[in-house]
Amino acid sequence: MHAARVQYVIEKKYASASLTIDAVAHLIGISTQHVCRVLKRERGLTFADLLRDVRLREARRLLCESSCSMKEIAFRVGFRHPSQFTRAFSSECGVSPSEYRARQAFGDVHHEQAM
């Protein structure tokens, strides 16, 4: 139950670069230690992992559906520095954000030609 509430708050506030486990715990009314325990037990994730996953999921969406710059996407999804975004994205997805966008665009063009 608490893990779902934590996820809900993260889903709503992920764009804030200042979102912390302390802030989320305070909003939900539980301790930071309890946030850590329930996320690990119920989701198998740390708070940082869950926050990063939500931010990167939104970044992938923006890369596919918008023409925003990498810098703008980084800030829109809550990263403080574009380089931090690029490192996290590359580590998680195996390619840079620009390469991801290019591959998605190529895939869309290729798919449309096949139709």
PDB file of N, CA and C in Angstrom:
ATOM      1  N   MET A   1       0.826  -1.199   0.000  1.00  0.00           N
ATOM      2  CA  MET A   1       0.000   0.000   0.000  1.00  0.00           C
ATOM      3  C   MET A   1       0.873   1.267   0.000  1.00  0.00           C
ATOM      4  N   HIS A   2       1.859   1.293   0.894  1.00  0.00           N
ATOM      5  CA  HIS A   2       2.721   2.472   0.948  1.00  0.00           C
ATOM      6  C   HIS A   2       3.553   2.599  -0.322  1.00  0.00           C
ATOM      7  N   ALA A   3       3.992   1.470  -0.887  1.00  0.00           N
ATOM      8  CA  ALA A   3       4.808   1.522  -2.109  1.00  0.00           C
ATOM      9  C   ALA A   3       4.002   2.150  -3.245  1.00  0.00           C
ATOM     10  N   ALA A   4       2.724   1.823  -3.325  1.00  0.00           N
ATOM     11  CA  ALA A   4       1.868   2.409  -4.362  1.00  0.00           C
ATOM     12  C   ALA A   4       1.733   3.915  -4.150  1.00  0.00           C
ATOM     13  N   ARG A   5       1.639   4.342  -2.920  1.00  0.00           N
ATOM     14  CA  ARG A   5       1.540   5.776  -2.629  1.00  0.00           C
ATOM     15  C   ARG A   5       2.837   6.500  -2.980  1.00  0.00           C
ATOM     16  N   VAL A   6       3.967   5.855  -2.675  1.00  0.00           N
ATOM     17  CA  VAL A   6       5.266   6.436  -3.033  1.00  0.00           C
ATOM     18  C   VAL A   6       5.351   6.575  -4.551  1.00  0.00           C
ATOM     19  N   GLN A   7       4.984   5.523  -5.266  1.00  0.00           N
ATOM     20  CA  GLN A   7       5.038   5.562  -6.727  1.00  0.00           C
ATOM     21  C   GLN A   7       4.122   6.657  -7.265  1.00  0.00           C
ATOM     22  N   TYR A   8       2.945   6.793  -6.690  1.00  0.00           N
ATOM     23  CA  TYR A   8       2.002   7.824  -7.134  1.00  0.00           C
ATOM     24  C   TYR A   8       2.617   9.219  -6.993  1.00  0.00           C
ATOM     25  N   VAL A   9       3.231   9.477  -5.853  1.00  0.00           N
ATOM     26  CA  VAL A   9       3.854  10.791  -5.629  1.00  0.00           C
ATOM     27  C   VAL A   9       4.987  10.998  -6.628  1.00  0.00           C
ATOM     28  N   ILE A  10       5.804   9.992  -6.844  1.00  0.00           N
ATOM     29  CA  ILE A  10       6.902  10.112  -7.811  1.00  0.00           C
ATOM     30  C   ILE A  10       6.357  10.361  -9.211  1.00  0.00           C
ATOM     31  N   GLU A  11       5.307   9.655  -9.597  1.00  0.00           N
ATOM     32  CA  GLU A  11       4.712   9.832 -10.929  1.00  0.00           C
ATOM     33  C   GLU A  11       4.199  11.264 -11.118  1.00  0.00           C
ATOM     34  N   LYS A  12       3.733  11.883 -10.047  1.00  0.00           N
ATOM     35  CA  LYS A  12       3.199  13.244 -10.133  1.00  0.00           C
ATOM     36  C   LYS A  12       4.276  14.319 -10.032  1.00  0.00           C
ATOM     37  N   LYS A  13       5.382  14.023  -9.335  1.00  0.00           N
ATOM     38  CA  LYS A  13       6.356  15.075  -9.019  1.00  0.00           C
ATOM     39  C   LYS A  13       7.759  14.799  -9.561  1.00  0.00           C
ATOM     40  N   TYR A  14       7.922  13.796 -10.426  1.00  0.00           N
ATOM     41  CA  TYR A  14       9.244  13.416 -10.930  1.00  0.00           C
ATOM     42  C   TYR A  14       9.989  14.574 -11.596  1.00  0.00           C
ATOM     43  N   ALA A  15       9.270  15.530 -12.163  1.00  0.00           N
ATOM     44  CA  ALA A  15       9.910  16.620 -12.905  1.00  0.00           C
ATOM     45  C   ALA A  15      10.649  17.600 -11.993  1.00  0.00           C
ATOM     46  N   SER A  16      10.386  17.537 -10.706  1.00  0.00           N
ATOM     47  CA  SER A  16      11.079  18.427  -9.771  1.00  0.00           C
ATOM     48  C   SER A  16      12.477  17.888  -9.486  1.00  0.00           C
ATOM     49  N   ALA A  17      13.481  18.660  -9.854  1.00  0.00           N
ATOM     50  CA  ALA A  17      14.871  18.243  -9.617  1.00  0.00           C
ATOM     51  C   ALA A  17      15.165  18.119  -8.121  1.00  0.00           C
ATOM     52  N   SER A  18      14.359  18.770  -7.296  1.00  0.00           N
ATOM     53  CA  SER A  18      14.598  18.729  -5.854  1.00  0.00           C
ATOM     54  C   SER A  18      13.778  17.640  -5.146  1.00  0.00           C
ATOM     55  N   LEU A  19      13.138  16.754  -5.897  1.00  0.00           N
ATOM     56  CA  LEU A  19      12.362  15.670  -5.282  1.00  0.00           C
ATOM     57  C   LEU A  19      13.308  14.713  -4.562  1.00  0.00           C
ATOM     58  N   THR A  20      13.058  14.514  -3.288  1.00  0.00           N
ATOM     59  CA  THR A  20      13.904  13.633  -2.484  1.00  0.00           C
ATOM     60  C   THR A  20      13.045  12.619  -1.754  1.00  0.00           C
ATOM     61  N   ILE A  21      13.710  11.607  -1.238  1.00  0.00           N
ATOM     62  CA  ILE A  21      13.014  10.606  -0.438  1.00  0.00           C
ATOM     63  C   ILE A  21      12.401  11.254   0.804  1.00  0.00           C
ATOM     64  N   ASP A  22      13.095  12.237   1.373  1.00  0.00           N
ATOM     65  CA  ASP A  22      12.567  12.933   2.551  1.00  0.00           C
ATOM     66  C   ASP A  22      11.258  13.652   2.218  1.00  0.00           C
ATOM     67  N   ALA A  23      11.223  14.313   1.062  1.00  0.00           N
ATOM     68  CA  ALA A  23      10.017  15.041   0.661  1.00  0.00           C
ATOM     69  C   ALA A  23       8.855  14.085   0.436  1.00  0.00           C
ATOM     70  N   VAL A  24       9.117  12.975  -0.229  1.00  0.00           N
ATOM     71  CA  VAL A  24       8.054  11.995  -0.502  1.00  0.00           C
ATOM     72  C   VAL A  24       7.561  11.376   0.801  1.00  0.00           C
ATOM     73  N   ALA A  25       8.486  11.006   1.679  1.00  0.00           N
ATOM     74  CA  ALA A  25       8.103  10.417   2.971  1.00  0.00           C
ATOM     75  C   ALA A  25       7.237  11.390   3.756  1.00  0.00           C
ATOM     76  N   HIS A  26       7.623  12.656   3.741  1.00  0.00           N
ATOM     77  CA  HIS A  26       6.847  13.682   4.450  1.00  0.00           C
ATOM     78  C   HIS A  26       5.441  13.805   3.862  1.00  0.00           C
ATOM     79  N   LEU A  27       5.336  13.839   2.545  1.00  0.00           N
ATOM     80  CA  LEU A  27       4.021  13.958   1.896  1.00  0.00           C
ATOM     81  C   LEU A  27       3.105  12.786   2.233  1.00  0.00           C
ATOM     82  N   ILE A  28       3.694  11.603   2.357  1.00  0.00           N
ATOM     83  CA  ILE A  28       2.898  10.399   2.631  1.00  0.00           C
ATOM     84  C   ILE A  28       2.657  10.211   4.124  1.00  0.00           C
ATOM     85  N   GLY A  29       3.546  10.795   4.931  1.00  0.00           N
ATOM     86  CA  GLY A  29       3.382  10.680   6.382  1.00  0.00           C
ATOM     87  C   GLY A  29       4.027   9.453   6.976  1.00  0.00           C
ATOM     88  N   ILE A  30       5.121   8.986   6.342  1.00  0.00           N
ATOM     89  CA  ILE A  30       5.872   7.859   6.899  1.00  0.00           C
ATOM     90  C   ILE A  30       7.351   8.252   6.929  1.00  0.00           C
ATOM     91  N   SER A  31       8.159   7.467   7.612  1.00  0.00           N
ATOM     92  CA  SER A  31       9.585   7.787   7.717  1.00  0.00           C
ATOM     93  C   SER A  31      10.318   7.413   6.430  1.00  0.00           C
ATOM     94  N   THR A  32      11.464   8.021   6.235  1.00  0.00           N
ATOM     95  CA  THR A  32      12.271   7.692   5.054  1.00  0.00           C
ATOM     96  C   THR A  32      12.723   6.231   5.112  1.00  0.00           C
ATOM     97  N   GLN A  33      13.014   5.743   6.297  1.00  0.00           N
ATOM     98  CA  GLN A  33      13.418   4.349   6.441  1.00  0.00           C
ATOM     99  C   GLN A  33      12.294   3.415   6.009  1.00  0.00           C
ATOM    100  N   HIS A  34      11.060   3.777   6.352  1.00  0.00           N
ATOM    101  CA  HIS A  34       9.920   2.948   5.972  1.00  0.00           C
ATOM    102  C   HIS A  34       9.726   2.984   4.447  1.00  0.00           C
ATOM    103  N   VAL A  35       9.928   4.140   3.830  1.00  0.00           N
ATOM    104  CA  VAL A  35       9.868   4.236   2.366  1.00  0.00           C
ATOM    105  C   VAL A  35      10.861   3.248   1.766  1.00  0.00           C
ATOM    106  N   CYS A  36      12.082   3.263   2.264  1.00  0.00           N
ATOM    107  CA  CYS A  36      13.121   2.360   1.749  1.00  0.00           C
ATOM    108  C   CYS A  36      12.718   0.898   1.898  1.00  0.00           C
ATOM    109  N   ARG A  37      12.223   0.549   3.080  1.00  0.00           N
ATOM    110  CA  ARG A  37      11.846  -0.843   3.339  1.00  0.00           C
ATOM    111  C   ARG A  37      10.716  -1.308   2.435  1.00  0.00           C
ATOM    112  N   VAL A  38       9.655  -0.508   2.317  1.00  0.00           N
ATOM    113  CA  VAL A  38       8.499  -0.972   1.536  1.00  0.00           C
ATOM    114  C   VAL A  38       8.807  -1.017   0.042  1.00  0.00           C
ATOM    115  N   LEU A  39       9.600  -0.089  -0.449  1.00  0.00           N
ATOM    116  CA  LEU A  39       9.958  -0.134  -1.875  1.00  0.00           C
ATOM    117  C   LEU A  39      10.794  -1.368  -2.177  1.00  0.00           C
ATOM    118  N   LYS A  40      11.747  -1.649  -1.301  1.00  0.00           N
ATOM    119  CA  LYS A  40      12.601  -2.818  -1.507  1.00  0.00           C
ATOM    120  C   LYS A  40      11.768  -4.099  -1.424  1.00  0.00           C
ATOM    121  N   ARG A  41      10.874  -4.177  -0.447  1.00  0.00           N
ATOM    122  CA  ARG A  41      10.068  -5.376  -0.236  1.00  0.00           C
ATOM    123  C   ARG A  41       9.024  -5.553  -1.336  1.00  0.00           C
ATOM    124  N   GLU A  42       8.300  -4.488  -1.676  1.00  0.00           N
ATOM    125  CA  GLU A  42       7.173  -4.611  -2.598  1.00  0.00           C
ATOM    126  C   GLU A  42       7.542  -4.421  -4.069  1.00  0.00           C
ATOM    127  N   ARG A  43       8.599  -3.675  -4.349  1.00  0.00           N
ATOM    128  CA  ARG A  43       8.961  -3.400  -5.749  1.00  0.00           C
ATOM    129  C   ARG A  43      10.346  -3.904  -6.113  1.00  0.00           C
ATOM    130  N   GLY A  44      11.143  -4.247  -5.101  1.00  0.00           N
ATOM    131  CA  GLY A  44      12.511  -4.686  -5.365  1.00  0.00           C
ATOM    132  C   GLY A  44      13.415  -3.564  -5.845  1.00  0.00           C
ATOM    133  N   LEU A  45      13.044  -2.325  -5.519  1.00  0.00           N
ATOM    134  CA  LEU A  45      13.782  -1.146  -5.978  1.00  0.00           C
ATOM    135  C   LEU A  45      14.113  -0.229  -4.817  1.00  0.00           C
ATOM    136  N   THR A  46      15.141   0.576  -5.017  1.00  0.00           N
ATOM    137  CA  THR A  46      15.403   1.662  -4.083  1.00  0.00           C
ATOM    138  C   THR A  46      14.600   2.875  -4.553  1.00  0.00           C
ATOM    139  N   PHE A  47      14.497   3.877  -3.704  1.00  0.00           N
ATOM    140  CA  PHE A  47      13.820   5.115  -4.084  1.00  0.00           C
ATOM    141  C   PHE A  47      14.490   5.727  -5.312  1.00  0.00           C
ATOM    142  N   ALA A  48      15.822   5.782  -5.293  1.00  0.00           N
ATOM    143  CA  ALA A  48      16.561   6.369  -6.421  1.00  0.00           C
ATOM    144  C   ALA A  48      16.303   5.601  -7.711  1.00  0.00           C
ATOM    145  N   ASP A  49      16.237   4.272  -7.629  1.00  0.00           N
ATOM    146  CA  ASP A  49      15.960   3.457  -8.821  1.00  0.00           C
ATOM    147  C   ASP A  49      14.579   3.761  -9.379  1.00  0.00           C
ATOM    148  N   LEU A  50      13.596   3.831  -8.507  1.00  0.00           N
ATOM    149  CA  LEU A  50      12.222   4.097  -8.941  1.00  0.00           C
ATOM    150  C   LEU A  50      12.114   5.486  -9.564  1.00  0.00           C
ATOM    151  N   LEU A  51      12.706   6.473  -8.927  1.00  0.00           N
ATOM    152  CA  LEU A  51      12.674   7.832  -9.460  1.00  0.00           C
ATOM    153  C   LEU A  51      13.366   7.888 -10.825  1.00  0.00           C
ATOM    154  N   ARG A  52      14.527   7.267 -10.936  1.00  0.00           N
ATOM    155  CA  ARG A  52      15.253   7.241 -12.208  1.00  0.00           C
ATOM    156  C   ARG A  52      14.428   6.542 -13.292  1.00  0.00           C
ATOM    157  N   ASP A  53      13.801   5.414 -12.945  1.00  0.00           N
ATOM    158  CA  ASP A  53      12.987   4.680 -13.918  1.00  0.00           C
ATOM    159  C   ASP A  53      11.830   5.533 -14.445  1.00  0.00           C
ATOM    160  N   VAL A  54      11.160   6.234 -13.558  1.00  0.00           N
ATOM    161  CA  VAL A  54      10.040   7.090 -13.967  1.00  0.00           C
ATOM    162  C   VAL A  54      10.549   8.226 -14.851  1.00  0.00           C
ATOM    163  N   ARG A  55      11.642   8.848 -14.453  1.00  0.00           N
ATOM    164  CA  ARG A  55      12.202   9.952 -15.248  1.00  0.00           C
ATOM    165  C   ARG A  55      12.643   9.479 -16.627  1.00  0.00           C
ATOM    166  N   LEU A  56      13.292   8.332 -16.695  1.00  0.00           N
ATOM    167  CA  LEU A  56      13.782   7.847 -17.985  1.00  0.00           C
ATOM    168  C   LEU A  56      12.644   7.354 -18.879  1.00  0.00           C
ATOM    169  N   ARG A  57      11.610   6.815 -18.291  1.00  0.00           N
ATOM    170  CA  ARG A  57      10.436   6.425 -19.089  1.00  0.00           C
ATOM    171  C   ARG A  57       9.829   7.660 -19.760  1.00  0.00           C
ATOM    172  N   GLU A  58       9.707   8.731 -19.000  1.00  0.00           N
ATOM    173  CA  GLU A  58       9.170   9.969 -19.559  1.00  0.00           C
ATOM    174  C   GLU A  58      10.132  10.552 -20.590  1.00  0.00           C
ATOM    175  N   ALA A  59      11.421  10.458 -20.343  1.00  0.00           N
ATOM    176  CA  ALA A  59      12.415  10.952 -21.315  1.00  0.00           C
ATOM    177  C   ALA A  59      12.296  10.186 -22.631  1.00  0.00           C
ATOM    178  N   ARG A  60      12.126   8.864 -22.564  1.00  0.00           N
ATOM    179  CA  ARG A  60      11.962   8.080 -23.802  1.00  0.00           C
ATOM    180  C   ARG A  60      10.725   8.539 -24.556  1.00  0.00           C
ATOM    181  N   ARG A  61       9.657   8.805 -23.836  1.00  0.00           N
ATOM    182  CA  ARG A  61       8.437   9.286 -24.482  1.00  0.00           C
ATOM    183  C   ARG A  61       8.690  10.621 -25.173  1.00  0.00           C
ATOM    184  N   LEU A  62       9.340  11.538 -24.469  1.00  0.00           N
ATOM    185  CA  LEU A  62       9.612  12.857 -25.047  1.00  0.00           C
ATOM    186  C   LEU A  62      10.557  12.767 -26.250  1.00  0.00           C
ATOM    187  N   LEU A  63      11.508  11.872 -26.181  1.00  0.00           N
ATOM    188  CA  LEU A  63      12.424  11.704 -27.310  1.00  0.00           C
ATOM    189  C   LEU A  63      11.680  11.242 -28.566  1.00  0.00           C
ATOM    190  N   CYS A  64      10.675  10.431 -28.376  1.00  0.00           N
ATOM    191  CA  CYS A  64       9.905   9.910 -29.514  1.00  0.00           C
ATOM    192  C   CYS A  64       8.819  10.871 -29.987  1.00  0.00           C
ATOM    193  N   GLU A  65       8.222  11.607 -29.066  1.00  0.00           N
ATOM    194  CA  GLU A  65       7.015  12.373 -29.388  1.00  0.00           C
ATOM    195  C   GLU A  65       7.224  13.880 -29.469  1.00  0.00           C
ATOM    196  N   SER A  66       8.437  14.357 -29.224  1.00  0.00           N
ATOM    197  CA  SER A  66       8.651  15.798 -29.253  1.00  0.00           C
ATOM    198  C   SER A  66       9.934  16.115 -30.015  1.00  0.00           C
ATOM    199  N   SER A  67      10.107  17.371 -30.294  1.00  0.00           N
ATOM    200  CA  SER A  67      11.354  17.808 -30.929  1.00  0.00           C
ATOM    201  C   SER A  67      12.193  18.609 -29.935  1.00  0.00           C
ATOM    202  N   CYS A  68      11.910  18.454 -28.658  1.00  0.00           N
ATOM    203  CA  CYS A  68      12.663  19.159 -27.612  1.00  0.00           C
ATOM    204  C   CYS A  68      14.138  18.771 -27.683  1.00  0.00           C
ATOM    205  N   SER A  69      14.988  19.706 -27.317  1.00  0.00           N
ATOM    206  CA  SER A  69      16.426  19.424 -27.269  1.00  0.00           C
ATOM    207  C   SER A  69      16.711  18.463 -26.113  1.00  0.00           C
ATOM    208  N   MET A  70      17.880  17.834 -26.152  1.00  0.00           N
ATOM    209  CA  MET A  70      18.288  16.919 -25.076  1.00  0.00           C
ATOM    210  C   MET A  70      18.338  17.668 -23.750  1.00  0.00           C
ATOM    211  N   LYS A  71      18.844  18.894 -23.793  1.00  0.00           N
ATOM    212  CA  LYS A  71      18.936  19.712 -22.581  1.00  0.00           C
ATOM    213  C   LYS A  71      17.544  19.977 -22.011  1.00  0.00           C
ATOM    214  N   GLU A  72      16.605  20.347 -22.874  1.00  0.00           N
ATOM    215  CA  GLU A  72      15.251  20.623 -22.410  1.00  0.00           C
ATOM    216  C   GLU A  72      14.595  19.369 -21.837  1.00  0.00           C
ATOM    217  N   ILE A  73      14.790  18.241 -22.482  1.00  0.00           N
ATOM    218  CA  ILE A  73      14.226  16.986 -21.972  1.00  0.00           C
ATOM    219  C   ILE A  73      14.827  16.672 -20.614  1.00  0.00           C
ATOM    220  N   ALA A  74      16.131  16.827 -20.483  1.00  0.00           N
ATOM    221  CA  ALA A  74      16.795  16.554 -19.203  1.00  0.00           C
ATOM    222  C   ALA A  74      16.147  17.355 -18.076  1.00  0.00           C
ATOM    223  N   PHE A  75      15.954  18.643 -18.310  1.00  0.00           N
ATOM    224  CA  PHE A  75      15.350  19.496 -17.275  1.00  0.00           C
ATOM    225  C   PHE A  75      13.873  19.166 -17.070  1.00  0.00           C
ATOM    226  N   ARG A  76      13.156  18.862 -18.138  1.00  0.00           N
ATOM    227  CA  ARG A  76      11.716  18.574 -18.023  1.00  0.00           C
ATOM    228  C   ARG A  76      11.430  17.317 -17.225  1.00  0.00           C
ATOM    229  N   VAL A  77      12.361  16.372 -17.238  1.00  0.00           N
ATOM    230  CA  VAL A  77      12.126  15.136 -16.491  1.00  0.00           C
ATOM    231  C   VAL A  77      12.820  15.120 -15.126  1.00  0.00           C
ATOM    232  N   GLY A  78      13.428  16.251 -14.749  1.00  0.00           N
ATOM    233  CA  GLY A  78      13.915  16.373 -13.380  1.00  0.00           C
ATOM    234  C   GLY A  78      15.400  16.222 -13.147  1.00  0.00           C
ATOM    235  N   PHE A  79      16.195  16.099 -14.202  1.00  0.00           N
ATOM    236  CA  PHE A  79      17.638  16.044 -13.999  1.00  0.00           C
ATOM    237  C   PHE A  79      18.174  17.457 -13.831  1.00  0.00           C
ATOM    238  N   ARG A  80      19.150  17.618 -12.944  1.00  0.00           N
ATOM    239  CA  ARG A  80      19.730  18.933 -12.692  1.00  0.00           C
ATOM    240  C   ARG A  80      20.717  19.342 -13.786  1.00  0.00           C
ATOM    241  N   HIS A  81      21.349  18.356 -14.417  1.00  0.00           N
ATOM    242  CA  HIS A  81      22.368  18.628 -15.428  1.00  0.00           C
ATOM    243  C   HIS A  81      22.159  17.710 -16.634  1.00  0.00           C
ATOM    244  N   PRO A  82      22.251  18.249 -17.834  1.00  0.00           N
ATOM    245  CA  PRO A  82      22.105  17.409 -19.030  1.00  0.00           C
ATOM    246  C   PRO A  82      23.097  16.238 -19.064  1.00  0.00           C
ATOM    247  N   SER A  83      24.304  16.446 -18.571  1.00  0.00           N
ATOM    248  CA  SER A  83      25.292  15.357 -18.579  1.00  0.00           C
ATOM    249  C   SER A  83      24.861  14.213 -17.655  1.00  0.00           C
ATOM    250  N   GLN A  84      24.224  14.559 -16.544  1.00  0.00           N
ATOM    251  CA  GLN A  84      23.702  13.548 -15.621  1.00  0.00           C
ATOM    252  C   GLN A  84      22.608  12.735 -16.322  1.00  0.00           C
ATOM    253  N   PHE A  85      21.750  13.414 -17.067  1.00  0.00           N
ATOM    254  CA  PHE A  85      20.698  12.756 -17.839  1.00  0.00           C
ATOM    255  C   PHE A  85      21.304  11.812 -18.878  1.00  0.00           C
ATOM    256  N   THR A  86      22.276  12.308 -19.626  1.00  0.00           N
ATOM    257  CA  THR A  86      22.885  11.489 -20.686  1.00  0.00           C
ATOM    258  C   THR A  86      23.533  10.239 -20.107  1.00  0.00           C
ATOM    259  N   ARG A  87      24.241  10.381 -18.982  1.00  0.00           N
ATOM    260  CA  ARG A  87      24.869   9.213 -18.350  1.00  0.00           C
ATOM    261  C   ARG A  87      23.829   8.209 -17.881  1.00  0.00           C
ATOM    262  N   ALA A  88      22.787   8.688 -17.197  1.00  0.00           N
ATOM    263  CA  ALA A  88      21.744   7.786 -16.690  1.00  0.00           C
ATOM    264  C   ALA A  88      21.028   7.096 -17.847  1.00  0.00           C
ATOM    265  N   PHE A  89      20.699   7.860 -18.877  1.00  0.00           N
ATOM    266  CA  PHE A  89      19.976   7.310 -20.026  1.00  0.00           C
ATOM    267  C   PHE A  89      20.830   6.260 -20.735  1.00  0.00           C
ATOM    268  N   SER A  90      22.084   6.599 -21.002  1.00  0.00           N
ATOM    269  CA  SER A  90      22.980   5.680 -21.714  1.00  0.00           C
ATOM    270  C   SER A  90      23.203   4.401 -20.918  1.00  0.00           C
ATOM    271  N   SER A  91      23.352   4.546 -19.614  1.00  0.00           N
ATOM    272  CA  SER A  91      23.561   3.390 -18.750  1.00  0.00           C
ATOM    273  C   SER A  91      22.335   2.476 -18.756  1.00  0.00           C
ATOM    274  N   GLU A  92      21.159   3.064 -18.688  1.00  0.00           N
ATOM    275  CA  GLU A  92      19.912   2.295 -18.629  1.00  0.00           C
ATOM    276  C   GLU A  92      19.516   1.713 -19.987  1.00  0.00           C
ATOM    277  N   CYS A  93      19.666   2.492 -21.045  1.00  0.00           N
ATOM    278  CA  CYS A  93      19.144   2.097 -22.361  1.00  0.00           C
ATOM    279  C   CYS A  93      20.200   1.538 -23.310  1.00  0.00           C
ATOM    280  N   GLY A  94      21.478   1.704 -22.971  1.00  0.00           N
ATOM    281  CA  GLY A  94      22.530   1.167 -23.814  1.00  0.00           C
ATOM    282  C   GLY A  94      22.910   2.047 -24.999  1.00  0.00           C
ATOM    283  N   VAL A  95      22.215   3.157 -25.169  1.00  0.00           N
ATOM    284  CA  VAL A  95      22.530   4.126 -26.224  1.00  0.00           C
ATOM    285  C   VAL A  95      22.300   5.523 -25.675  1.00  0.00           C
ATOM    286  N   SER A  96      22.907   6.500 -26.328  1.00  0.00           N
ATOM    287  CA  SER A  96      22.712   7.883 -25.896  1.00  0.00           C
ATOM    288  C   SER A  96      21.292   8.332 -26.234  1.00  0.00           C
ATOM    289  N   PRO A  97      20.809   9.393 -25.590  1.00  0.00           N
ATOM    290  CA  PRO A  97      19.473   9.898 -25.931  1.00  0.00           C
ATOM    291  C   PRO A  97      19.342  10.262 -27.416  1.00  0.00           C
ATOM    292  N   SER A  98      20.378  10.874 -28.002  1.00  0.00           N
ATOM    293  CA  SER A  98      20.290  11.251 -29.424  1.00  0.00           C
ATOM    294  C   SER A  98      20.220  10.013 -30.307  1.00  0.00           C
ATOM    295  N   GLU A  99      21.005   8.993 -29.962  1.00  0.00           N
ATOM    296  CA  GLU A  99      20.964   7.764 -30.757  1.00  0.00           C
ATOM    297  C   GLU A  99      19.607   7.080 -30.602  1.00  0.00           C
ATOM    298  N   TYR A 100      19.063   7.097 -29.396  1.00  0.00           N
ATOM    299  CA  TYR A 100      17.740   6.510 -29.166  1.00  0.00           C
ATOM    300  C   TYR A 100      16.704   7.202 -30.056  1.00  0.00           C
ATOM    301  N   ARG A 101      16.734   8.528 -30.067  1.00  0.00           N
ATOM    302  CA  ARG A 101      15.790   9.294 -30.889  1.00  0.00           C
ATOM    303  C   ARG A 101      15.972   8.948 -32.370  1.00  0.00           C
ATOM    304  N   ALA A 102      17.205   8.905 -32.816  1.00  0.00           N
ATOM    305  CA  ALA A 102      17.476   8.599 -34.223  1.00  0.00           C
ATOM    306  C   ALA A 102      16.984   7.195 -34.577  1.00  0.00           C
ATOM    307  N   ARG A 103      17.216   6.230 -33.718  1.00  0.00           N
ATOM    308  CA  ARG A 103      16.762   4.861 -33.978  1.00  0.00           C
ATOM    309  C   ARG A 103      15.241   4.787 -34.015  1.00  0.00           C
ATOM    310  N   GLN A 104      14.587   5.522 -33.102  1.00  0.00           N
ATOM    311  CA  GLN A 104      13.124   5.522 -33.087  1.00  0.00           C
ATOM    312  C   GLN A 104      12.582   6.159 -34.354  1.00  0.00           C
ATOM    313  N   ALA A 105      13.197   7.246 -34.790  1.00  0.00           N
ATOM    314  CA  ALA A 105      12.761   7.929 -36.012  1.00  0.00           C
ATOM    315  C   ALA A 105      12.960   7.013 -37.210  1.00  0.00           C
ATOM    316  N   PHE A 106      14.092   6.326 -37.269  1.00  0.00           N
ATOM    317  CA  PHE A 106      14.358   5.402 -38.364  1.00  0.00           C
ATOM    318  C   PHE A 106      13.344   4.260 -38.337  1.00  0.00           C
ATOM    319  N   GLY A 107      13.071   3.760 -37.135  1.00  0.00           N
ATOM    320  CA  GLY A 107      12.092   2.673 -37.001  1.00  0.00           C
ATOM    321  C   GLY A 107      10.726   3.098 -37.470  1.00  0.00           C
ATOM    322  N   ASP A 108      10.320   4.326 -37.146  1.00  0.00           N
ATOM    323  CA  ASP A 108       9.017   4.828 -37.578  1.00  0.00           C
ATOM    324  C   ASP A 108       8.971   4.977 -39.092  1.00  0.00           C
ATOM    325  N   VAL A 109      10.028   5.516 -39.685  1.00  0.00           N
ATOM    326  CA  VAL A 109      10.080   5.692 -41.133  1.00  0.00           C
ATOM    327  C   VAL A 109      10.072   4.329 -41.801  1.00  0.00           C
ATOM    328  N   HIS A 110      10.880   3.426 -41.300  1.00  0.00           N
ATOM    329  CA  HIS A 110      10.954   2.082 -41.867  1.00  0.00           C
ATOM    330  C   HIS A 110       9.600   1.386 -41.778  1.00  0.00           C
ATOM    331  N   HIS A 111       8.926   1.542 -40.635  1.00  0.00           N
ATOM    332  CA  HIS A 111       7.602   0.929 -40.422  1.00  0.00           C
ATOM    333  C   HIS A 111       6.581   1.512 -41.398  1.00  0.00           C
ATOM    334  N   GLU A 112       6.606   2.831 -41.586  1.00  0.00           N
ATOM    335  CA  GLU A 112       5.657   3.455 -42.490  1.00  0.00           C
ATOM    336  C   GLU A 112       5.867   2.996 -43.923  1.00  0.00           C
ATOM    337  N   GLN A 113       7.123   2.789 -44.333  1.00  0.00           N
ATOM    338  CA  GLN A 113       7.417   2.324 -45.685  1.00  0.00           C
ATOM    339  C   GLN A 113       6.923   0.897 -45.885  1.00  0.00           C
ATOM    340  N   ALA A 114       6.969   0.103 -44.833  1.00  0.00           N
ATOM    341  CA  ALA A 114       6.532  -1.278 -44.933  1.00  0.00           C
ATOM    342  C   ALA A 114       5.026  -1.394 -45.090  1.00  0.00           C
ATOM    343  N   MET A 115       4.293  -0.351 -44.697  1.00  0.00           N
ATOM    344  CA  MET A 115       2.829  -0.402 -44.756  1.00  0.00           C
ATOM    345  C   MET A 115       2.416  -0.139 -46.142  1.00  0.00           C
TER     346      MET A 115
END
